[in-house]
Amino acid sequence: MKNFFLILFSILVMSCSQLIDPPKNLIPKDEMSEIIAEFAVNDQFNNLLPQSDLENATRFVLKNKKVKASDFTESYKYYIASGDLEEILNDAQKIIVAKDPAAKDYIDKNVKENQNVPAFAR
């Protein structure tokens, strides 16, 4: 039921041309891709070592990229509303595969299993 509302909300958001104005400190698409790729790597690391602190890892990535959490959140909302998020997520997958070619099989398997799920929900 939760996924249904998420998908319905996504469709409504994407059907409108310009829901929100670009934020003042919009993060460029390529940098968003890099940040999201780092988040994904940290998430997988957290699966291997559950005692690791995912929140600190997230803060470290944002601090390392010199991005405020609020700027990331606002940019993420903007890219969802503008329909550019799927492109950003695909670029993030390419970054992950470039860093670790073995990840390609894992990504392809997840994409195949979740074909009908939007990229941001996988």
N, C-alpha and C. Protein backbone atom coordinates (compact mmCIF):
# COMPACT_ATOMS: atom_id res chain seq x y z
N MET A 1 0.83 -1.18 0.00
CA MET A 1 0.00 0.00 0.00
C MET A 1 0.88 1.25 0.00
N LYS A 2 1.97 1.18 0.80
CA LYS A 2 2.88 2.31 0.88
C LYS A 2 3.52 2.56 -0.49
N ASN A 3 3.90 1.48 -1.17
CA ASN A 3 4.52 1.61 -2.49
C ASN A 3 3.53 2.18 -3.50
N PHE A 4 2.26 1.82 -3.36
CA PHE A 4 1.24 2.34 -4.26
C PHE A 4 1.17 3.86 -4.16
N PHE A 5 1.14 4.37 -2.92
CA PHE A 5 1.07 5.81 -2.72
C PHE A 5 2.35 6.49 -3.22
N LEU A 6 3.49 5.83 -3.03
CA LEU A 6 4.75 6.38 -3.51
C LEU A 6 4.75 6.47 -5.04
N ILE A 7 4.28 5.44 -5.69
CA ILE A 7 4.21 5.43 -7.15
C ILE A 7 3.20 6.46 -7.64
N LEU A 8 2.04 6.53 -6.99
CA LEU A 8 1.02 7.51 -7.36
C LEU A 8 1.55 8.93 -7.20
N PHE A 9 2.22 9.18 -6.09
CA PHE A 9 2.81 10.50 -5.85
C PHE A 9 3.87 10.81 -6.92
N SER A 10 4.67 9.84 -7.26
CA SER A 10 5.71 10.04 -8.28
C SER A 10 5.10 10.39 -9.63
N ILE A 11 4.03 9.70 -9.98
CA ILE A 11 3.36 9.98 -11.25
C ILE A 11 2.79 11.39 -11.26
N LEU A 12 2.18 11.78 -10.15
CA LEU A 12 1.64 13.14 -10.06
C LEU A 12 2.74 14.18 -10.14
N VAL A 13 3.84 13.91 -9.48
CA VAL A 13 4.95 14.86 -9.49
C VAL A 13 5.52 14.98 -10.90
N MET A 14 5.68 13.87 -11.58
CA MET A 14 6.30 13.88 -12.90
C MET A 14 5.36 14.42 -13.98
N SER A 15 4.06 14.38 -13.74
CA SER A 15 3.13 14.85 -14.76
C SER A 15 3.08 16.37 -14.84
N CYS A 16 3.45 17.03 -13.78
CA CYS A 16 3.47 18.49 -13.78
C CYS A 16 4.80 18.97 -14.36
N SER A 17 4.76 20.08 -15.06
CA SER A 17 5.97 20.54 -15.73
C SER A 17 7.00 21.11 -14.75
N GLN A 18 6.60 22.02 -13.92
CA GLN A 18 7.54 22.66 -13.00
C GLN A 18 6.84 22.83 -11.66
N LEU A 19 6.99 21.85 -10.79
CA LEU A 19 6.32 21.93 -9.50
C LEU A 19 6.99 22.91 -8.55
N ILE A 20 8.30 22.86 -8.55
CA ILE A 20 9.03 23.73 -7.64
C ILE A 20 10.13 24.46 -8.39
N ASP A 21 10.51 25.58 -7.85
CA ASP A 21 11.61 26.35 -8.43
C ASP A 21 12.93 25.71 -8.00
N PRO A 22 13.97 25.87 -8.81
CA PRO A 22 15.28 25.34 -8.41
C PRO A 22 15.73 25.97 -7.09
N PRO A 23 16.28 25.18 -6.20
CA PRO A 23 16.75 25.75 -4.93
C PRO A 23 17.93 26.69 -5.15
N LYS A 24 18.15 27.52 -4.18
CA LYS A 24 19.21 28.52 -4.26
C LYS A 24 20.58 27.85 -4.45
N ASN A 25 20.84 26.79 -3.73
CA ASN A 25 22.12 26.08 -3.79
C ASN A 25 21.95 24.73 -4.45
N LEU A 26 21.44 24.71 -5.66
CA LEU A 26 21.20 23.47 -6.39
C LEU A 26 22.53 22.76 -6.66
N ILE A 27 22.58 21.50 -6.29
CA ILE A 27 23.78 20.69 -6.54
C ILE A 27 23.72 20.21 -7.98
N PRO A 28 24.81 20.35 -8.73
CA PRO A 28 24.81 19.88 -10.12
C PRO A 28 24.55 18.38 -10.22
N LYS A 29 24.00 17.97 -11.35
CA LYS A 29 23.61 16.56 -11.54
C LYS A 29 24.77 15.61 -11.36
N ASP A 30 25.93 15.94 -11.90
CA ASP A 30 27.07 15.03 -11.80
C ASP A 30 27.53 14.86 -10.35
N GLU A 31 27.48 15.93 -9.58
CA GLU A 31 27.85 15.84 -8.18
C GLU A 31 26.80 15.05 -7.38
N MET A 32 25.53 15.24 -7.72
CA MET A 32 24.48 14.44 -7.08
C MET A 32 24.71 12.96 -7.34
N SER A 33 25.08 12.62 -8.56
CA SER A 33 25.35 11.22 -8.91
C SER A 33 26.48 10.66 -8.07
N GLU A 34 27.54 11.45 -7.90
CA GLU A 34 28.67 11.00 -7.09
C GLU A 34 28.27 10.79 -5.63
N ILE A 35 27.50 11.71 -5.10
CA ILE A 35 27.06 11.60 -3.70
C ILE A 35 26.18 10.37 -3.52
N ILE A 36 25.24 10.18 -4.42
CA ILE A 36 24.33 9.03 -4.31
C ILE A 36 25.10 7.72 -4.46
N ALA A 37 26.11 7.70 -5.32
CA ALA A 37 26.95 6.50 -5.47
C ALA A 37 27.68 6.21 -4.15
N GLU A 38 28.20 7.24 -3.52
CA GLU A 38 28.88 7.06 -2.22
C GLU A 38 27.89 6.56 -1.17
N PHE A 39 26.67 7.11 -1.17
CA PHE A 39 25.65 6.64 -0.23
C PHE A 39 25.36 5.15 -0.44
N ALA A 40 25.27 4.74 -1.70
CA ALA A 40 24.98 3.33 -2.00
C ALA A 40 26.10 2.42 -1.53
N VAL A 41 27.34 2.84 -1.73
CA VAL A 41 28.48 2.05 -1.27
C VAL A 41 28.45 1.95 0.26
N ASN A 42 28.18 3.07 0.93
CA ASN A 42 28.10 3.05 2.39
C ASN A 42 26.97 2.17 2.88
N ASP A 43 25.86 2.17 2.16
CA ASP A 43 24.72 1.33 2.54
C ASP A 43 25.09 -0.14 2.45
N GLN A 44 25.80 -0.52 1.39
CA GLN A 44 26.22 -1.92 1.26
C GLN A 44 27.25 -2.28 2.34
N PHE A 45 28.12 -1.34 2.66
CA PHE A 45 29.09 -1.56 3.73
C PHE A 45 28.36 -1.78 5.05
N ASN A 46 27.29 -1.02 5.26
CA ASN A 46 26.50 -1.16 6.48
C ASN A 46 25.83 -2.53 6.54
N ASN A 47 25.48 -3.10 5.38
CA ASN A 47 24.90 -4.45 5.36
C ASN A 47 25.93 -5.49 5.78
N LEU A 48 27.19 -5.26 5.43
CA LEU A 48 28.25 -6.20 5.81
C LEU A 48 28.61 -6.08 7.29
N LEU A 49 28.65 -4.86 7.77
CA LEU A 49 28.98 -4.59 9.17
C LEU A 49 27.85 -3.80 9.81
N PRO A 50 26.84 -4.50 10.32
CA PRO A 50 25.66 -3.80 10.85
C PRO A 50 25.96 -2.85 12.01
N GLN A 51 27.08 -3.05 12.69
CA GLN A 51 27.40 -2.17 13.81
C GLN A 51 27.96 -0.83 13.35
N SER A 52 28.24 -0.69 12.05
CA SER A 52 28.74 0.59 11.54
C SER A 52 27.62 1.63 11.58
N ASP A 53 28.03 2.87 11.65
CA ASP A 53 27.08 3.98 11.80
C ASP A 53 26.83 4.63 10.44
N LEU A 54 25.69 4.33 9.86
CA LEU A 54 25.34 4.85 8.54
C LEU A 54 25.16 6.37 8.56
N GLU A 55 24.66 6.89 9.65
CA GLU A 55 24.45 8.34 9.75
C GLU A 55 25.79 9.09 9.70
N ASN A 56 26.79 8.59 10.41
CA ASN A 56 28.10 9.23 10.37
C ASN A 56 28.73 9.11 8.98
N ALA A 57 28.52 7.98 8.33
CA ALA A 57 29.05 7.79 6.97
C ALA A 57 28.41 8.79 6.02
N THR A 58 27.12 9.01 6.19
CA THR A 58 26.41 9.98 5.35
C THR A 58 26.94 11.39 5.59
N ARG A 59 27.12 11.73 6.84
CA ARG A 59 27.68 13.05 7.17
C ARG A 59 29.08 13.22 6.59
N PHE A 60 29.88 12.15 6.66
CA PHE A 60 31.24 12.21 6.12
C PHE A 60 31.22 12.48 4.62
N VAL A 61 30.34 11.79 3.90
CA VAL A 61 30.26 12.00 2.44
C VAL A 61 29.88 13.44 2.14
N LEU A 62 28.86 13.94 2.82
CA LEU A 62 28.42 15.31 2.57
C LEU A 62 29.51 16.33 2.94
N LYS A 63 30.19 16.08 4.05
CA LYS A 63 31.27 16.99 4.46
C LYS A 63 32.42 16.92 3.47
N ASN A 64 32.73 15.73 3.01
CA ASN A 64 33.82 15.54 2.05
C ASN A 64 33.53 16.26 0.73
N LYS A 65 32.26 16.27 0.31
CA LYS A 65 31.84 16.94 -0.92
C LYS A 65 31.52 18.42 -0.69
N LYS A 66 31.61 18.87 0.58
CA LYS A 66 31.32 20.25 0.96
C LYS A 66 29.90 20.65 0.58
N VAL A 67 28.96 19.77 0.98
CA VAL A 67 27.54 19.98 0.70
C VAL A 67 26.79 19.92 2.02
N LYS A 68 25.89 20.86 2.23
CA LYS A 68 25.05 20.83 3.43
C LYS A 68 23.92 19.83 3.21
N ALA A 69 23.49 19.21 4.29
CA ALA A 69 22.40 18.23 4.21
C ALA A 69 21.14 18.87 3.67
N SER A 70 20.87 20.11 4.06
CA SER A 70 19.66 20.79 3.58
C SER A 70 19.76 21.05 2.07
N ASP A 71 20.95 21.37 1.59
CA ASP A 71 21.12 21.60 0.14
C ASP A 71 20.90 20.29 -0.62
N PHE A 72 21.40 19.19 -0.06
CA PHE A 72 21.20 17.89 -0.70
C PHE A 72 19.72 17.55 -0.75
N THR A 73 19.03 17.74 0.36
CA THR A 73 17.60 17.42 0.43
C THR A 73 16.80 18.26 -0.56
N GLU A 74 17.06 19.55 -0.60
CA GLU A 74 16.34 20.43 -1.52
C GLU A 74 16.64 20.09 -2.98
N SER A 75 17.90 19.77 -3.27
CA SER A 75 18.27 19.40 -4.63
C SER A 75 17.60 18.09 -5.02
N TYR A 76 17.56 17.14 -4.08
CA TYR A 76 16.92 15.84 -4.34
C TYR A 76 15.44 16.03 -4.65
N LYS A 77 14.76 16.86 -3.85
CA LYS A 77 13.34 17.15 -4.10
C LYS A 77 13.15 17.79 -5.47
N TYR A 78 14.02 18.72 -5.80
CA TYR A 78 13.91 19.40 -7.09
C TYR A 78 14.09 18.40 -8.24
N TYR A 79 15.10 17.53 -8.14
CA TYR A 79 15.34 16.58 -9.22
C TYR A 79 14.22 15.55 -9.34
N ILE A 80 13.57 15.21 -8.25
CA ILE A 80 12.39 14.32 -8.32
C ILE A 80 11.29 15.04 -9.08
N ALA A 81 11.05 16.29 -8.70
CA ALA A 81 9.96 17.05 -9.32
C ALA A 81 10.23 17.34 -10.80
N SER A 82 11.49 17.54 -11.15
CA SER A 82 11.82 17.88 -12.54
C SER A 82 11.92 16.64 -13.43
N GLY A 83 11.96 15.46 -12.83
CA GLY A 83 12.06 14.23 -13.61
C GLY A 83 13.48 13.85 -13.98
N ASP A 84 14.46 14.53 -13.42
CA ASP A 84 15.86 14.26 -13.73
C ASP A 84 16.50 13.22 -12.80
N LEU A 85 15.77 12.77 -11.80
CA LEU A 85 16.37 11.88 -10.81
C LEU A 85 16.78 10.53 -11.42
N GLU A 86 15.99 10.00 -12.34
CA GLU A 86 16.33 8.71 -12.93
C GLU A 86 17.67 8.78 -13.67
N GLU A 87 17.89 9.87 -14.38
CA GLU A 87 19.18 10.06 -15.07
C GLU A 87 20.33 10.13 -14.06
N ILE A 88 20.11 10.82 -12.96
CA ILE A 88 21.12 10.94 -11.91
C ILE A 88 21.42 9.57 -11.31
N LEU A 89 20.38 8.79 -11.05
CA LEU A 89 20.58 7.46 -10.47
C LEU A 89 21.28 6.52 -11.44
N ASN A 90 20.97 6.63 -12.72
CA ASN A 90 21.67 5.81 -13.72
C ASN A 90 23.15 6.19 -13.78
N ASP A 91 23.45 7.48 -13.68
CA ASP A 91 24.84 7.91 -13.65
C ASP A 91 25.55 7.40 -12.39
N ALA A 92 24.82 7.38 -11.27
CA ALA A 92 25.39 6.85 -10.03
C ALA A 92 25.73 5.37 -10.19
N GLN A 93 24.87 4.62 -10.87
CA GLN A 93 25.16 3.21 -11.13
C GLN A 93 26.42 3.06 -11.96
N LYS A 94 26.58 3.92 -12.96
CA LYS A 94 27.79 3.88 -13.80
C LYS A 94 29.04 4.16 -12.97
N ILE A 95 28.93 5.09 -12.03
CA ILE A 95 30.06 5.41 -11.16
C ILE A 95 30.43 4.20 -10.31
N ILE A 96 29.42 3.54 -9.76
CA ILE A 96 29.66 2.36 -8.93
C ILE A 96 30.32 1.25 -9.75
N VAL A 97 29.83 1.01 -10.95
CA VAL A 97 30.39 -0.03 -11.82
C VAL A 97 31.82 0.32 -12.22
N ALA A 98 32.09 1.60 -12.43
CA ALA A 98 33.45 2.01 -12.78
C ALA A 98 34.41 1.75 -11.62
N LYS A 99 33.94 1.94 -10.39
CA LYS A 99 34.78 1.69 -9.22
C LYS A 99 34.95 0.20 -8.95
N ASP A 100 33.89 -0.58 -9.20
CA ASP A 100 33.91 -2.01 -8.93
C ASP A 100 33.13 -2.74 -10.02
N PRO A 101 33.82 -3.23 -11.06
CA PRO A 101 33.13 -3.90 -12.17
C PRO A 101 32.30 -5.11 -11.73
N ALA A 102 32.65 -5.72 -10.61
CA ALA A 102 31.89 -6.87 -10.12
C ALA A 102 30.48 -6.46 -9.67
N ALA A 103 30.28 -5.20 -9.40
CA ALA A 103 28.98 -4.72 -8.96
C ALA A 103 27.95 -4.74 -10.10
N LYS A 104 28.42 -4.81 -11.33
CA LYS A 104 27.51 -4.80 -12.48
C LYS A 104 26.53 -5.97 -12.43
N ASP A 105 27.02 -7.16 -12.10
CA ASP A 105 26.14 -8.33 -12.01
C ASP A 105 25.08 -8.13 -10.93
N TYR A 106 25.47 -7.59 -9.79
CA TYR A 106 24.53 -7.35 -8.70
C TYR A 106 23.48 -6.32 -9.12
N ILE A 107 23.91 -5.25 -9.76
CA ILE A 107 22.98 -4.21 -10.20
C ILE A 107 22.02 -4.76 -11.25
N ASP A 108 22.57 -5.48 -12.22
CA ASP A 108 21.72 -6.05 -13.27
C ASP A 108 20.69 -7.01 -12.69
N LYS A 109 21.09 -7.80 -11.71
CA LYS A 109 20.16 -8.73 -11.06
C LYS A 109 19.04 -7.97 -10.35
N ASN A 110 19.39 -6.91 -9.63
CA ASN A 110 18.38 -6.11 -8.93
C ASN A 110 17.44 -5.41 -9.89
N VAL A 111 17.98 -4.90 -10.99
CA VAL A 111 17.14 -4.21 -11.98
C VAL A 111 16.18 -5.21 -12.62
N LYS A 112 16.67 -6.41 -12.92
CA LYS A 112 15.82 -7.42 -13.54
C LYS A 112 14.71 -7.87 -12.59
N GLU A 113 15.03 -8.03 -11.32
CA GLU A 113 14.04 -8.45 -10.33
C GLU A 113 13.00 -7.37 -10.05
N ASN A 114 13.39 -6.12 -10.23
CA ASN A 114 12.51 -4.99 -9.89
C ASN A 114 12.22 -4.14 -11.12
N GLN A 115 11.88 -4.77 -12.22
CA GLN A 115 11.66 -4.06 -13.47
C GLN A 115 10.56 -3.00 -13.39
N ASN A 116 9.52 -3.28 -12.66
CA ASN A 116 8.37 -2.38 -12.60
C ASN A 116 8.47 -1.35 -11.49
N VAL A 117 9.60 -1.33 -10.80
CA VAL A 117 9.80 -0.39 -9.70
C VAL A 117 10.61 0.79 -10.22
N PRO A 118 10.20 2.02 -9.93
CA PRO A 118 10.99 3.18 -10.38
C PRO A 118 12.40 3.13 -9.83
N ALA A 119 13.34 3.74 -10.53
CA ALA A 119 14.75 3.68 -10.16
C ALA A 119 15.00 4.19 -8.73
N PHE A 120 14.31 5.23 -8.31
CA PHE A 120 14.57 5.78 -6.99
C PHE A 120 14.03 4.91 -5.86
N ALA A 121 13.20 3.92 -6.17
CA ALA A 121 12.63 3.06 -5.15
C ALA A 121 13.32 1.71 -5.06
N ARG A 122 14.27 1.43 -5.94
CA ARG A 122 14.97 0.13 -5.90
C ARG A 122 15.95 0.03 -4.79
